Amino acid sequence: MACNLSLAGGGIVDYQTIPASSLSPTQFTPLAAKTVGLNISCGQAPAQFRVMLSDLQSASKVTGILGAGFTEAQNYGLGLANSKRTGGYSVTLKNLQSSSGTLTPIMRSSQGAAWQNSDGKVAQSPSQYSWRSGTTVVPAFVTSLTGTLEVKAVINRTQDLDLTRDVTLDGRTSLSVDYI
């Protein structure tokens, strides 16, 4: 039995063209939050499952770019342009639902660690995320869920970018789903 994962729009978050004149030379520039629909289906029998995210551009993240309320484990890299770090982004699990109702995000720091309540901000692997349906902090048994991945990108200071040519926002995250 395998889980099927689908992301709306192929999981692509497109910020379109951002004029350099709208960016700050000395401050990080936060962009508007974008959302991607998430759908996970794991067959007919209810099961516990979890997700993990891995940053495929981790070498490009800008330390501290997300600001207060975020850890560096929640900072995903936006890629390099001419060896310059473009920025970072966060991913937050929101609006989680199953056929039995609303789900609340929970997380653990690694395999075998205790589950704890989560604000939905997703730290990179080895952190693991699941969801609870009641007040007990254990993964709920569900056959499927829907939700939203909220992505918030932040662009580096222009003084730290090469703006002699177009800069592509090239964050890449791998999302895996596994049974618990």
Protein backbone atom coordinates (compact mmCIF):
# COMPACT_ATOMS: atom_id res chain seq x y z
CA MET A 1 0.00 0.00 0.00
CA ALA A 2 1.43 3.38 -0.97
CA CYS A 3 0.47 6.97 -0.37
CA ASN A 4 -0.23 9.31 -3.26
CA LEU A 5 0.85 12.92 -2.88
CA SER A 6 -0.30 15.71 -5.15
CA LEU A 7 0.48 19.41 -5.07
CA ALA A 8 -1.61 21.97 -6.95
CA GLY A 9 0.18 23.46 -9.94
CA GLY A 10 2.86 20.79 -9.72
CA GLY A 11 4.04 22.39 -6.47
CA ILE A 12 5.46 25.40 -8.29
CA VAL A 13 5.35 28.77 -6.54
CA ASP A 14 5.78 31.55 -9.10
CA TYR A 15 6.56 35.08 -7.97
CA GLN A 16 6.61 36.33 -11.57
CA THR A 17 8.94 39.23 -12.36
CA ILE A 18 10.06 41.34 -9.41
CA PRO A 19 11.61 44.68 -10.40
CA ALA A 20 15.01 45.31 -8.77
CA SER A 21 13.76 48.79 -7.89
CA SER A 22 11.26 47.21 -5.46
CA LEU A 23 14.06 45.56 -3.46
CA SER A 24 16.10 47.15 -0.68
CA PRO A 25 19.88 47.50 -0.94
CA THR A 26 20.32 47.20 2.84
CA GLN A 27 17.30 45.22 4.13
CA PHE A 28 15.82 41.83 3.32
CA THR A 29 12.65 42.12 1.20
CA PRO A 30 9.77 39.84 2.24
CA LEU A 31 7.41 38.83 -0.57
CA ALA A 32 3.70 38.07 -0.25
CA ALA A 33 2.78 34.60 0.96
CA LYS A 34 1.79 32.11 -1.75
CA THR A 35 -0.13 28.89 -1.24
CA VAL A 36 -0.01 25.44 -2.79
CA GLY A 37 -2.82 22.94 -2.30
CA LEU A 38 -1.75 19.64 -0.74
CA ASN A 39 -3.58 16.32 -1.11
CA ILE A 40 -2.37 13.03 0.38
CA SER A 41 -4.28 9.78 -0.10
CA CYS A 42 -3.16 6.53 1.54
CA GLY A 43 -5.70 3.89 0.54
CA GLN A 44 -8.93 2.67 2.12
CA ALA A 45 -7.73 1.67 5.59
CA PRO A 46 -7.06 4.53 8.03
CA ALA A 47 -3.36 4.84 8.82
CA GLN A 48 -0.89 7.12 10.54
CA PHE A 49 1.54 8.83 8.22
CA ARG A 50 3.98 11.70 8.29
CA VAL A 51 5.76 14.10 5.96
CA MET A 52 9.35 15.31 5.84
CA LEU A 53 10.76 18.19 3.80
CA SER A 54 14.33 18.40 2.56
CA ASP A 55 15.92 21.59 1.23
CA LEU A 56 17.59 20.80 -2.10
CA GLN A 57 19.17 24.29 -2.14
CA SER A 58 20.35 24.37 1.48
CA ALA A 59 23.81 25.69 0.56
CA SER A 60 22.16 28.88 -0.72
CA LYS A 61 20.14 29.94 2.31
CA VAL A 62 20.81 33.35 3.86
CA THR A 63 21.17 33.04 7.64
CA GLY A 64 18.62 35.09 9.58
CA ILE A 65 16.61 36.12 6.52
CA LEU A 66 13.25 34.87 7.83
CA GLY A 67 13.40 37.01 10.97
CA ALA A 68 11.73 36.58 14.35
CA GLY A 69 9.54 33.54 14.90
CA PHE A 70 11.56 31.25 12.61
CA THR A 71 14.54 28.97 13.17
CA GLU A 72 17.32 28.27 10.69
CA ALA A 73 15.91 24.73 10.29
CA GLN A 74 12.76 26.42 8.88
CA ASN A 75 14.82 28.49 6.39
CA TYR A 76 14.97 27.01 2.87
CA GLY A 77 17.41 28.37 0.26
CA LEU A 78 16.26 30.23 -2.86
CA GLY A 79 19.30 29.27 -4.92
CA LEU A 80 22.43 31.01 -6.16
CA ALA A 81 22.83 33.55 -8.95
CA ASN A 82 26.44 34.11 -10.01
CA SER A 83 27.56 32.61 -6.66
CA LYS A 84 25.38 35.06 -4.69
CA ARG A 85 22.70 33.77 -2.30
CA THR A 86 19.29 34.88 -3.57
CA GLY A 87 17.31 34.54 -0.34
CA GLY A 88 15.22 32.12 1.67
CA TYR A 89 11.68 30.95 2.25
CA SER A 90 9.55 29.26 4.85
CA VAL A 91 6.91 26.54 4.46
CA THR A 92 3.91 26.32 6.82
CA LEU A 93 1.24 23.59 6.97
CA LYS A 94 -2.24 25.15 7.11
CA ASN A 95 -5.92 24.24 6.78
CA LEU A 96 -5.44 20.50 7.32
CA GLN A 97 -8.64 18.46 6.86
CA SER A 98 -9.60 14.81 6.69
CA SER A 99 -12.99 13.24 6.01
CA SER A 100 -13.53 13.25 9.79
CA GLY A 101 -12.80 16.96 10.23
CA THR A 102 -10.10 19.47 11.04
CA LEU A 103 -6.58 18.26 11.78
CA THR A 104 -3.93 20.09 13.83
CA PRO A 105 -0.21 19.92 12.90
CA ILE A 106 2.17 18.08 15.22
CA MET A 107 5.90 17.45 14.85
CA ARG A 108 8.86 15.57 16.22
CA SER A 109 12.51 16.49 15.90
CA SER A 110 13.57 13.09 14.52
CA GLN A 111 12.56 9.44 14.18
CA GLY A 112 11.69 8.03 17.60
CA ALA A 113 11.40 11.42 19.33
CA ALA A 114 8.16 12.35 21.11
CA TRP A 115 5.43 14.09 19.11
CA GLN A 116 4.64 17.65 20.19
CA ASN A 117 2.25 20.40 19.15
CA SER A 118 3.34 22.49 16.17
CA ASP A 119 2.49 25.92 14.80
CA GLY A 120 2.74 24.37 11.32
CA LYS A 121 6.09 26.00 10.42
CA VAL A 122 8.02 23.16 8.79
CA ALA A 123 11.64 22.51 9.74
CA GLN A 124 13.76 20.43 7.41
CA SER A 125 14.49 16.72 7.77
CA PRO A 126 15.10 15.00 10.18
CA SER A 127 12.08 16.85 11.62
CA GLN A 128 8.82 15.03 10.87
CA TYR A 129 5.28 16.38 10.66
CA SER A 130 1.93 14.74 11.12
CA TRP A 131 -1.49 15.81 12.41
CA ARG A 132 -3.79 15.07 15.29
CA SER A 133 -7.59 15.05 15.33
CA GLY A 134 -8.19 15.29 19.08
CA THR A 135 -6.34 16.78 22.01
CA THR A 136 -3.85 13.93 22.40
CA VAL A 137 -0.58 14.66 20.60
CA VAL A 138 -0.38 11.49 18.51
CA PRO A 139 -0.79 11.15 14.74
CA ALA A 140 -4.40 10.65 13.69
CA PHE A 141 -5.48 7.60 11.70
CA VAL A 142 -6.76 8.93 8.37
CA THR A 143 -7.16 7.65 4.81
CA SER A 144 -6.48 11.03 3.21
CA LEU A 145 -6.01 14.68 3.95
CA THR A 146 -6.09 18.00 2.21
CA GLY A 147 -4.37 21.19 3.24
CA THR A 148 -2.27 24.11 2.18
CA LEU A 149 1.45 24.71 2.08
CA GLU A 150 2.03 28.42 2.66
CA VAL A 151 5.32 29.64 1.21
CA LYS A 152 6.83 32.98 2.24
CA ALA A 153 9.91 34.04 0.29
CA VAL A 154 12.36 36.73 1.37
CA ILE A 155 14.86 38.27 -1.08
CA ASN A 156 18.40 39.09 -0.02
CA ARG A 157 19.67 42.70 0.11
CA THR A 158 20.48 43.99 -3.37
CA GLN A 159 23.97 44.94 -2.16
CA ASP A 160 24.53 41.17 -1.77
CA LEU A 161 23.09 40.20 -5.18
CA ASP A 162 24.42 40.36 -8.73
CA LEU A 163 21.74 42.41 -10.50
CA THR A 164 23.67 42.80 -13.75
CA ARG A 165 21.34 40.11 -15.10
CA ASP A 166 18.03 38.47 -14.20
CA VAL A 167 18.04 36.51 -10.95
CA THR A 168 15.88 33.39 -10.80
CA LEU A 169 14.24 32.37 -7.53
CA ASP A 170 15.24 28.72 -7.51
CA GLY A 171 14.16 27.19 -4.22
CA ARG A 172 13.66 23.43 -4.37
CA THR A 173 12.15 21.27 -1.67
CA SER A 174 11.60 17.52 -1.64
CA LEU A 175 8.50 16.35 0.25
CA SER A 176 8.24 12.71 1.31
CA VAL A 177 5.28 10.85 2.82
CA ASP A 178 5.73 7.68 4.87
CA TYR A 179 3.67 5.45 7.12
CA ILE A 180 4.48 5.62 10.82
